[in-house]
């Protein structure tokens, strides 16, 4: 009777140990995948493009800077920050919420007037 109880307890402990080992393997795989994806995103972070904005007379009115992750930064003609567009919202130069969607050009128009 005692022997059977010990065997059952030992089997239960083996199951717990197997679960812990599986969890540790999953954690290591996730860490490796995270490091790989972080390496890719850091390589793409250096890539950004700038687009000049001109009015109908050809004068420079601002810049749009497209960054990794869909972020857009709007600058005026002097290179000063006007707005940031990220995650479906627009923030002005102080970080105050302006509105939902990409409204950086609207904010740029307000600063021009």
C-alpha atoms as a PDB file:
ATOM      1  CA  UNK A   1       0.000   0.000   0.000  1.00  0.00           C
ATOM      2  CA  UNK A   2       2.783   2.408   0.965  1.00  0.00           C
ATOM      3  CA  UNK A   3       4.740   1.482  -2.119  1.00  0.00           C
ATOM      4  CA  UNK A   4       1.780   2.227  -4.400  1.00  0.00           C
ATOM      5  CA  UNK A   5       1.274   5.621  -2.768  1.00  0.00           C
ATOM      6  CA  UNK A   6       4.951   6.484  -3.257  1.00  0.00           C
ATOM      7  CA  UNK A   7       4.818   5.402  -6.915  1.00  0.00           C
ATOM      8  CA  UNK A   8       1.744   7.584  -7.496  1.00  0.00           C
ATOM      9  CA  UNK A   9       3.436  10.534  -5.840  1.00  0.00           C
ATOM     10  CA  UNK A  10       6.573   9.978  -7.908  1.00  0.00           C
ATOM     11  CA  UNK A  11       4.512   9.863 -11.114  1.00  0.00           C
ATOM     12  CA  UNK A  12       2.812  13.136 -10.143  1.00  0.00           C
ATOM     13  CA  UNK A  13       6.164  14.784  -9.524  1.00  0.00           C
ATOM     14  CA  UNK A  14       7.442  13.569 -12.897  1.00  0.00           C
ATOM     15  CA  UNK A  15       4.421  15.138 -14.603  1.00  0.00           C
ATOM     16  CA  UNK A  16       5.090  18.445 -12.849  1.00  0.00           C
ATOM     17  CA  UNK A  17       8.755  18.293 -13.885  1.00  0.00           C
ATOM     18  CA  UNK A  18       7.797  17.594 -17.524  1.00  0.00           C
ATOM     19  CA  UNK A  19       5.431  20.587 -17.517  1.00  0.00           C
ATOM     20  CA  UNK A  20       8.165  22.833 -16.120  1.00  0.00           C
ATOM     21  CA  UNK A  21      10.647  21.619 -18.740  1.00  0.00           C
ATOM     22  CA  UNK A  22       8.137  22.255 -21.545  1.00  0.00           C
ATOM     23  CA  UNK A  23       7.461  25.750 -20.211  1.00  0.00           C
ATOM     24  CA  UNK A  24      11.201  26.489 -20.085  1.00  0.00           C
ATOM     25  CA  UNK A  25      11.617  25.311 -23.701  1.00  0.00           C
ATOM     26  CA  UNK A  26       8.715  27.510 -24.851  1.00  0.00           C
ATOM     27  CA  UNK A  27      10.194  30.474 -23.015  1.00  0.00           C
ATOM     28  CA  UNK A  28      13.585  29.993 -24.690  1.00  0.00           C
ATOM     29  CA  UNK A  29      11.939  29.705 -28.131  1.00  0.00           C
ATOM     30  CA  UNK A  30       9.938  32.881 -27.538  1.00  0.00           C
ATOM     31  CA  UNK A  31      13.046  34.753 -26.403  1.00  0.00           C
ATOM     32  CA  UNK A  32      14.909  33.653 -29.544  1.00  0.00           C
ATOM     33  CA  UNK A  33      12.008  34.733 -31.757  1.00  0.00           C
ATOM     34  CA  UNK A  34      11.816  38.048 -29.933  1.00  0.00           C
ATOM     35  CA  UNK A  35      15.523  38.689 -30.418  1.00  0.00           C
ATOM     36  CA  UNK A  36      15.239  37.857 -34.118  1.00  0.00           C
ATOM     37  CA  UNK A  37      12.296  40.211 -34.628  1.00  0.00           C
ATOM     38  CA  UNK A  38      14.016  42.955 -32.595  1.00  0.00           C
ATOM     39  CA  UNK A  39      17.040  42.632 -34.845  1.00  0.00           C
ATOM     40  CA  UNK A  40      14.859  43.057 -37.922  1.00  0.00           C
ATOM     41  CA  UNK A  41      13.031  46.077 -36.553  1.00  0.00           C
ATOM     42  CA  UNK A  42      16.243  47.768 -35.465  1.00  0.00           C
ATOM     43  CA  UNK A  43      17.599  47.295 -38.987  1.00  0.00           C
ATOM     44  CA  UNK A  44      14.458  48.938 -40.389  1.00  0.00           C
ATOM     45  CA  UNK A  45      14.454  51.768 -37.874  1.00  0.00           C
ATOM     46  CA  UNK A  46      17.297  53.512 -39.659  1.00  0.00           C
ATOM     47  CA  UNK A  47      15.209  53.640 -42.817  1.00  0.00           C
ATOM     48  CA  UNK A  48      12.995  56.657 -42.982  1.00  0.00           C
ATOM     49  CA  UNK A  49      11.913  58.807 -45.843  1.00  0.00           C
ATOM     50  CA  UNK A  50      11.168  62.511 -45.991  1.00  0.00           C
ATOM     51  CA  UNK A  51       8.754  64.108 -48.398  1.00  0.00           C
ATOM     52  CA  UNK A  52       8.757  67.838 -49.063  1.00  0.00           C
ATOM     53  CA  UNK A  53       5.385  69.634 -49.170  1.00  0.00           C
ATOM     54  CA  UNK A  54       5.038  72.596 -51.544  1.00  0.00           C
ATOM     55  CA  UNK A  55       2.152  75.011 -52.057  1.00  0.00           C
ATOM     56  CA  UNK A  56       0.703  75.927 -55.470  1.00  0.00           C
ATOM     57  CA  UNK A  57       3.416  78.579 -55.981  1.00  0.00           C
ATOM     58  CA  UNK A  58       6.184  76.071 -55.334  1.00  0.00           C
ATOM     59  CA  UNK A  59       7.183  77.413 -51.918  1.00  0.00           C
ATOM     60  CA  UNK A  60       8.162  74.850 -49.273  1.00  0.00           C
ATOM     61  CA  UNK A  61       5.522  74.629 -46.535  1.00  0.00           C
ATOM     62  CA  UNK A  62       6.656  71.554 -44.642  1.00  0.00           C
ATOM     63  CA  UNK A  63       8.034  68.048 -44.492  1.00  0.00           C
ATOM     64  CA  UNK A  64       6.526  64.618 -43.855  1.00  0.00           C
ATOM     65  CA  UNK A  65       8.879  62.078 -42.319  1.00  0.00           C
ATOM     66  CA  UNK A  66       7.771  58.439 -42.604  1.00  0.00           C
ATOM     67  CA  UNK A  67       9.335  56.162 -39.995  1.00  0.00           C
ATOM     68  CA  UNK A  68       9.218  52.450 -39.237  1.00  0.00           C
ATOM     69  CA  UNK A  69       6.023  51.168 -37.687  1.00  0.00           C
ATOM     70  CA  UNK A  70       3.763  53.551 -39.622  1.00  0.00           C
ATOM     71  CA  UNK A  71       4.745  56.653 -37.655  1.00  0.00           C
ATOM     72  CA  UNK A  72       4.568  59.959 -39.490  1.00  0.00           C
ATOM     73  CA  UNK A  73       6.155  63.155 -38.212  1.00  0.00           C
ATOM     74  CA  UNK A  74       5.131  66.524 -39.674  1.00  0.00           C
ATOM     75  CA  UNK A  75       7.596  69.441 -39.712  1.00  0.00           C
ATOM     76  CA  UNK A  76       7.082  73.041 -40.835  1.00  0.00           C
ATOM     77  CA  UNK A  77       9.236  74.743 -43.468  1.00  0.00           C
ATOM     78  CA  UNK A  78      11.863  75.678 -40.854  1.00  0.00           C
ATOM     79  CA  UNK A  79      12.184  72.087 -39.664  1.00  0.00           C
ATOM     80  CA  UNK A  80      10.274  72.548 -36.397  1.00  0.00           C
ATOM     81  CA  UNK A  81       8.068  69.712 -35.185  1.00  0.00           C
ATOM     82  CA  UNK A  82       4.360  70.352 -35.842  1.00  0.00           C
ATOM     83  CA  UNK A  83       2.590  67.018 -35.269  1.00  0.00           C
ATOM     84  CA  UNK A  84       3.022  63.264 -34.899  1.00  0.00           C
ATOM     85  CA  UNK A  85       0.718  60.624 -36.324  1.00  0.00           C
ATOM     86  CA  UNK A  86       0.873  57.210 -34.664  1.00  0.00           C
ATOM     87  CA  UNK A  87      -1.418  54.307 -33.865  1.00  0.00           C
ATOM     88  CA  UNK A  88      -4.424  55.944 -35.500  1.00  0.00           C
ATOM     89  CA  UNK A  89      -4.221  59.228 -33.585  1.00  0.00           C
ATOM     90  CA  UNK A  90      -2.611  62.608 -34.126  1.00  0.00           C
ATOM     91  CA  UNK A  91      -0.721  64.559 -31.470  1.00  0.00           C
ATOM     92  CA  UNK A  92       0.467  68.163 -31.743  1.00  0.00           C
ATOM     93  CA  UNK A  93       4.043  69.293 -31.007  1.00  0.00           C
ATOM     94  CA  UNK A  94       3.401  69.330 -27.231  1.00  0.00           C
ATOM     95  CA  UNK A  95       1.934  65.822 -27.255  1.00  0.00           C
ATOM     96  CA  UNK A  96      -1.649  66.965 -26.827  1.00  0.00           C
ATOM     97  CA  UNK A  97      -4.303  64.866 -28.546  1.00  0.00           C
ATOM     98  CA  UNK A  98      -5.602  66.504 -31.743  1.00  0.00           C
ATOM     99  CA  UNK A  99      -7.881  63.827 -33.192  1.00  0.00           C
ATOM    100  CA  UNK A 100      -8.290  60.329 -34.507  1.00  0.00           C
ATOM    101  CA  UNK A 101      -6.765  59.447 -37.861  1.00  0.00           C
ATOM    102  CA  UNK A 102      -4.021  61.124 -39.828  1.00  0.00           C
ATOM    103  CA  UNK A 103      -4.553  64.840 -39.294  1.00  0.00           C
ATOM    104  CA  UNK A 104      -0.986  66.101 -39.390  1.00  0.00           C
ATOM    105  CA  UNK A 105      -1.611  68.224 -42.475  1.00  0.00           C
ATOM    106  CA  UNK A 106      -4.565  69.876 -40.746  1.00  0.00           C
ATOM    107  CA  UNK A 107      -2.301  70.859 -37.848  1.00  0.00           C
ATOM    108  CA  UNK A 108       0.322  72.087 -40.319  1.00  0.00           C
ATOM    109  CA  UNK A 109      -2.311  74.253 -42.000  1.00  0.00           C
ATOM    110  CA  UNK A 110      -3.259  75.779 -38.651  1.00  0.00           C
ATOM    111  CA  UNK A 111       0.345  76.724 -37.936  1.00  0.00           C
ATOM    112  CA  UNK A 112       0.730  78.308 -41.395  1.00  0.00           C
ATOM    113  CA  UNK A 113      -2.128  80.774 -40.808  1.00  0.00           C
END
